Amino acid sequence: MKIQIIQLDRSLPDGVVVTCHWRASLTDGDYTASSYGAEGFNQRSPDDPDFIPYEDLTEGVVREWVREKIGADIEAGLEAQIEAQKNPTSAKGLPWAPK
């Protein structure tokens, strides 16, 4: 599963990240599934020794925060979307339309 960080919302002037907008995607051969979401964070105070200033954050660090929050649930949902594409249970169309 690939997680892309779309945007961070932060408080000013301390730079504490409060929300992360993300997109997760999974590909299996010709099938692709994706999900978009936002997660709220209670990032530590700038006085905390583990605090990472906004300017020093990397996509990798924030991606790990998101992985911790969304866990395996999102990946399982993406896998279910792909399975539904591989084995559809419904279809649309008109029987008299050219194929």
N, C-alpha and C. Protein backbone atom coordinates (compact mmCIF):
# COMPACT_ATOMS: atom_id res chain seq x y z
N MET A 1 0.85 -1.18 0.00
CA MET A 1 0.00 0.00 0.00
C MET A 1 0.89 1.23 0.00
N LYS A 2 0.56 2.16 -0.87
CA LYS A 2 1.29 3.41 -0.95
C LYS A 2 0.46 4.51 -0.29
N ILE A 3 1.09 5.30 0.56
CA ILE A 3 0.42 6.43 1.19
C ILE A 3 1.09 7.71 0.72
N GLN A 4 0.28 8.62 0.21
CA GLN A 4 0.76 9.93 -0.24
C GLN A 4 0.18 10.99 0.69
N ILE A 5 1.02 11.88 1.17
CA ILE A 5 0.56 12.98 2.01
C ILE A 5 0.16 14.13 1.10
N ILE A 6 -1.08 14.58 1.22
CA ILE A 6 -1.63 15.61 0.34
C ILE A 6 -1.45 17.01 0.95
N GLN A 7 -1.74 17.12 2.24
CA GLN A 7 -1.68 18.44 2.88
C GLN A 7 -1.61 18.28 4.39
N LEU A 8 -0.96 19.23 5.04
CA LEU A 8 -0.93 19.30 6.50
C LEU A 8 -1.58 20.60 6.95
N ASP A 9 -2.44 20.51 7.94
CA ASP A 9 -3.00 21.70 8.58
C ASP A 9 -2.28 21.87 9.90
N ARG A 10 -1.86 23.10 10.20
CA ARG A 10 -1.10 23.34 11.42
C ARG A 10 -1.59 24.61 12.10
N SER A 11 -1.31 24.70 13.38
CA SER A 11 -1.63 25.91 14.12
C SER A 11 -0.46 26.87 14.00
N LEU A 12 -0.79 28.13 14.05
CA LEU A 12 0.24 29.17 13.99
C LEU A 12 0.26 29.92 15.30
N PRO A 13 1.35 30.37 15.79
CA PRO A 13 2.68 30.36 15.19
C PRO A 13 3.53 29.16 15.58
N ASP A 14 2.99 28.22 16.40
CA ASP A 14 3.85 27.15 16.91
C ASP A 14 4.11 26.02 15.92
N GLY A 15 3.33 25.92 14.85
CA GLY A 15 3.56 24.90 13.83
C GLY A 15 3.15 23.50 14.22
N VAL A 16 2.28 23.35 15.20
CA VAL A 16 1.82 22.03 15.61
C VAL A 16 0.84 21.51 14.55
N VAL A 17 1.13 20.34 13.99
CA VAL A 17 0.27 19.74 12.97
C VAL A 17 -0.98 19.19 13.66
N VAL A 18 -2.14 19.59 13.15
CA VAL A 18 -3.40 19.15 13.74
C VAL A 18 -4.15 18.17 12.84
N THR A 19 -3.96 18.27 11.51
CA THR A 19 -4.65 17.38 10.58
C THR A 19 -3.75 17.07 9.40
N CYS A 20 -3.82 15.83 8.95
CA CYS A 20 -3.10 15.39 7.77
C CYS A 20 -4.10 14.83 6.77
N HIS A 21 -4.06 15.30 5.54
CA HIS A 21 -4.88 14.78 4.46
C HIS A 21 -4.01 13.83 3.65
N TRP A 22 -4.53 12.64 3.35
CA TRP A 22 -3.74 11.60 2.72
C TRP A 22 -4.52 10.84 1.67
N ARG A 23 -3.79 10.15 0.81
CA ARG A 23 -4.40 9.24 -0.17
C ARG A 23 -3.62 7.94 -0.10
N ALA A 24 -4.34 6.83 0.02
CA ALA A 24 -3.74 5.50 0.04
C ALA A 24 -4.15 4.78 -1.24
N SER A 25 -3.23 4.04 -1.83
CA SER A 25 -3.56 3.30 -3.05
C SER A 25 -2.86 1.94 -3.02
N LEU A 26 -3.49 1.02 -3.74
CA LEU A 26 -2.97 -0.34 -3.82
C LEU A 26 -3.21 -0.82 -5.25
N THR A 27 -2.22 -1.46 -5.85
CA THR A 27 -2.33 -1.97 -7.21
C THR A 27 -2.02 -3.46 -7.20
N ASP A 28 -2.83 -4.20 -7.95
CA ASP A 28 -2.63 -5.63 -8.13
C ASP A 28 -2.83 -5.91 -9.62
N GLY A 29 -1.73 -5.97 -10.35
CA GLY A 29 -1.83 -6.17 -11.80
C GLY A 29 -2.54 -4.99 -12.45
N ASP A 30 -3.65 -5.29 -13.12
CA ASP A 30 -4.43 -4.25 -13.82
C ASP A 30 -5.45 -3.58 -12.90
N TYR A 31 -5.53 -3.97 -11.67
CA TYR A 31 -6.55 -3.46 -10.75
C TYR A 31 -5.93 -2.47 -9.76
N THR A 32 -6.63 -1.37 -9.54
CA THR A 32 -6.16 -0.34 -8.63
C THR A 32 -7.31 0.11 -7.74
N ALA A 33 -7.01 0.34 -6.48
CA ALA A 33 -7.99 0.86 -5.53
C ALA A 33 -7.34 2.01 -4.78
N SER A 34 -8.16 2.99 -4.39
CA SER A 34 -7.60 4.11 -3.63
C SER A 34 -8.63 4.62 -2.63
N SER A 35 -8.11 5.33 -1.65
CA SER A 35 -8.95 5.92 -0.60
C SER A 35 -8.32 7.24 -0.20
N TYR A 36 -9.17 8.22 0.12
CA TYR A 36 -8.71 9.53 0.55
C TYR A 36 -9.25 9.76 1.94
N GLY A 37 -8.45 10.36 2.80
CA GLY A 37 -8.93 10.62 4.15
C GLY A 37 -8.15 11.72 4.83
N ALA A 38 -8.58 12.04 6.02
CA ALA A 38 -7.90 13.03 6.85
C ALA A 38 -7.86 12.49 8.27
N GLU A 39 -6.74 12.66 8.91
CA GLU A 39 -6.56 12.22 10.28
C GLU A 39 -6.14 13.39 11.15
N GLY A 40 -6.74 13.47 12.31
CA GLY A 40 -6.36 14.49 13.27
C GLY A 40 -5.24 13.98 14.16
N PHE A 41 -4.37 14.87 14.55
CA PHE A 41 -3.25 14.52 15.41
C PHE A 41 -3.23 15.42 16.63
N ASN A 42 -2.76 14.86 17.71
CA ASN A 42 -2.50 15.63 18.91
C ASN A 42 -0.99 15.69 19.06
N GLN A 43 -0.35 16.40 18.15
CA GLN A 43 1.11 16.47 18.16
C GLN A 43 1.56 17.13 19.46
N ARG A 44 2.69 16.70 19.90
CA ARG A 44 3.25 17.22 21.15
C ARG A 44 3.47 18.73 21.10
N SER A 45 3.58 19.30 22.25
CA SER A 45 3.88 20.72 22.41
C SER A 45 5.29 21.01 21.89
N PRO A 46 5.51 22.19 21.36
CA PRO A 46 6.87 22.56 20.93
C PRO A 46 7.89 22.45 22.06
N ASP A 47 7.44 22.42 23.31
CA ASP A 47 8.35 22.28 24.44
C ASP A 47 8.77 20.83 24.70
N ASP A 48 8.07 19.87 24.09
CA ASP A 48 8.38 18.46 24.28
C ASP A 48 9.68 18.12 23.55
N PRO A 49 10.56 17.33 24.14
CA PRO A 49 11.83 17.01 23.48
C PRO A 49 11.66 16.19 22.19
N ASP A 50 10.53 15.49 22.02
CA ASP A 50 10.29 14.70 20.82
C ASP A 50 9.57 15.48 19.72
N PHE A 51 9.25 16.73 19.98
CA PHE A 51 8.54 17.56 19.00
C PHE A 51 9.41 17.77 17.76
N ILE A 52 8.78 17.65 16.59
CA ILE A 52 9.48 17.91 15.33
C ILE A 52 8.90 19.19 14.75
N PRO A 53 9.69 20.24 14.62
CA PRO A 53 9.18 21.49 14.04
C PRO A 53 8.63 21.25 12.63
N TYR A 54 7.62 21.99 12.28
CA TYR A 54 6.98 21.87 10.97
C TYR A 54 8.02 21.89 9.85
N GLU A 55 8.95 22.79 9.91
CA GLU A 55 9.96 22.94 8.86
C GLU A 55 10.84 21.70 8.73
N ASP A 56 10.93 20.91 9.78
CA ASP A 56 11.81 19.73 9.78
C ASP A 56 11.07 18.43 9.49
N LEU A 57 9.74 18.48 9.36
CA LEU A 57 8.99 17.26 9.06
C LEU A 57 9.32 16.76 7.66
N THR A 58 9.34 15.45 7.51
CA THR A 58 9.51 14.84 6.19
C THR A 58 8.25 14.04 5.87
N GLU A 59 8.08 13.77 4.58
CA GLU A 59 6.92 12.97 4.20
C GLU A 59 6.98 11.59 4.86
N GLY A 60 8.18 11.04 5.00
CA GLY A 60 8.32 9.74 5.64
C GLY A 60 7.84 9.72 7.07
N VAL A 61 8.18 10.76 7.84
CA VAL A 61 7.73 10.85 9.23
C VAL A 61 6.22 10.94 9.30
N VAL A 62 5.63 11.81 8.50
CA VAL A 62 4.17 12.00 8.53
C VAL A 62 3.47 10.76 8.01
N ARG A 63 4.04 10.09 7.01
CA ARG A 63 3.46 8.86 6.49
C ARG A 63 3.39 7.81 7.60
N GLU A 64 4.41 7.73 8.44
CA GLU A 64 4.38 6.77 9.55
C GLU A 64 3.31 7.15 10.57
N TRP A 65 3.13 8.45 10.82
CA TRP A 65 2.04 8.88 11.71
C TRP A 65 0.70 8.38 11.15
N VAL A 66 0.51 8.55 9.84
CA VAL A 66 -0.75 8.13 9.22
C VAL A 66 -0.90 6.62 9.31
N ARG A 67 0.16 5.87 9.01
CA ARG A 67 0.09 4.41 9.10
C ARG A 67 -0.33 3.96 10.50
N GLU A 68 0.21 4.62 11.52
CA GLU A 68 -0.15 4.27 12.90
C GLU A 68 -1.63 4.53 13.16
N LYS A 69 -2.18 5.59 12.58
CA LYS A 69 -3.58 5.96 12.82
C LYS A 69 -4.55 5.08 12.03
N ILE A 70 -4.25 4.81 10.76
CA ILE A 70 -5.22 4.09 9.92
C ILE A 70 -5.04 2.58 9.98
N GLY A 71 -3.85 2.14 10.36
CA GLY A 71 -3.60 0.72 10.55
C GLY A 71 -3.93 -0.13 9.34
N ALA A 72 -4.27 -1.36 9.61
CA ALA A 72 -4.55 -2.34 8.55
C ALA A 72 -5.94 -2.20 7.98
N ASP A 73 -6.81 -1.43 8.61
CA ASP A 73 -8.19 -1.30 8.13
C ASP A 73 -8.26 -0.75 6.71
N ILE A 74 -7.48 0.28 6.43
CA ILE A 74 -7.51 0.87 5.10
C ILE A 74 -6.98 -0.12 4.07
N GLU A 75 -5.89 -0.79 4.38
CA GLU A 75 -5.33 -1.76 3.44
C GLU A 75 -6.31 -2.89 3.16
N ALA A 76 -7.00 -3.36 4.18
CA ALA A 76 -8.01 -4.41 3.99
C ALA A 76 -9.14 -3.90 3.10
N GLY A 77 -9.53 -2.64 3.28
CA GLY A 77 -10.57 -2.06 2.44
C GLY A 77 -10.14 -1.95 0.99
N LEU A 78 -8.88 -1.58 0.76
CA LEU A 78 -8.36 -1.49 -0.60
C LEU A 78 -8.31 -2.88 -1.24
N GLU A 79 -7.89 -3.87 -0.48
CA GLU A 79 -7.86 -5.24 -0.99
C GLU A 79 -9.26 -5.71 -1.35
N ALA A 80 -10.26 -5.34 -0.55
CA ALA A 80 -11.65 -5.70 -0.85
C ALA A 80 -12.12 -5.01 -2.13
N GLN A 81 -11.73 -3.75 -2.35
CA GLN A 81 -12.09 -3.06 -3.59
C GLN A 81 -11.51 -3.78 -4.80
N ILE A 82 -10.26 -4.20 -4.70
CA ILE A 82 -9.63 -4.91 -5.81
C ILE A 82 -10.30 -6.25 -6.04
N GLU A 83 -10.61 -6.95 -4.98
CA GLU A 83 -11.30 -8.24 -5.12
C GLU A 83 -12.66 -8.06 -5.80
N ALA A 84 -13.37 -6.99 -5.47
CA ALA A 84 -14.65 -6.70 -6.11
C ALA A 84 -14.48 -6.38 -7.59
N GLN A 85 -13.37 -5.75 -7.95
CA GLN A 85 -13.10 -5.48 -9.37
C GLN A 85 -12.80 -6.79 -10.12
N LYS A 86 -12.08 -7.68 -9.47
CA LYS A 86 -11.73 -8.96 -10.10
C LYS A 86 -12.94 -9.87 -10.24
N ASN A 87 -13.83 -9.83 -9.26
CA ASN A 87 -15.00 -10.72 -9.23
C ASN A 87 -16.26 -9.90 -9.00
N PRO A 88 -16.70 -9.13 -10.01
CA PRO A 88 -17.85 -8.26 -9.82
C PRO A 88 -19.13 -9.05 -9.52
N THR A 89 -19.99 -8.45 -8.71
CA THR A 89 -21.27 -9.07 -8.38
C THR A 89 -22.43 -8.31 -9.01
N SER A 90 -22.14 -7.24 -9.74
CA SER A 90 -23.19 -6.50 -10.44
C SER A 90 -22.57 -5.87 -11.68
N ALA A 91 -23.45 -5.48 -12.61
CA ALA A 91 -22.99 -4.86 -13.85
C ALA A 91 -24.03 -3.86 -14.33
N LYS A 92 -23.63 -2.96 -15.22
CA LYS A 92 -24.52 -1.96 -15.79
C LYS A 92 -24.47 -2.10 -17.31
N GLY A 93 -25.51 -1.63 -17.95
CA GLY A 93 -25.49 -1.64 -19.41
C GLY A 93 -26.89 -1.80 -19.98
N LEU A 94 -26.94 -1.91 -21.29
CA LEU A 94 -28.19 -2.15 -22.02
C LEU A 94 -27.96 -3.37 -22.91
N PRO A 95 -28.85 -4.37 -22.83
CA PRO A 95 -28.62 -5.59 -23.59
C PRO A 95 -28.66 -5.36 -25.11
N TRP A 96 -29.32 -4.32 -25.58
CA TRP A 96 -29.43 -4.07 -27.00
C TRP A 96 -28.35 -3.12 -27.54
N ALA A 97 -27.52 -2.59 -26.64
CA ALA A 97 -26.46 -1.67 -27.06
C ALA A 97 -25.33 -2.46 -27.72
N PRO A 98 -24.69 -1.83 -28.73
CA PRO A 98 -23.54 -2.52 -29.36
C PRO A 98 -22.42 -2.76 -28.35
N LYS A 99 -21.75 -3.87 -28.52
CA LYS A 99 -20.67 -4.23 -27.59
C LYS A 99 -19.34 -3.87 -28.16
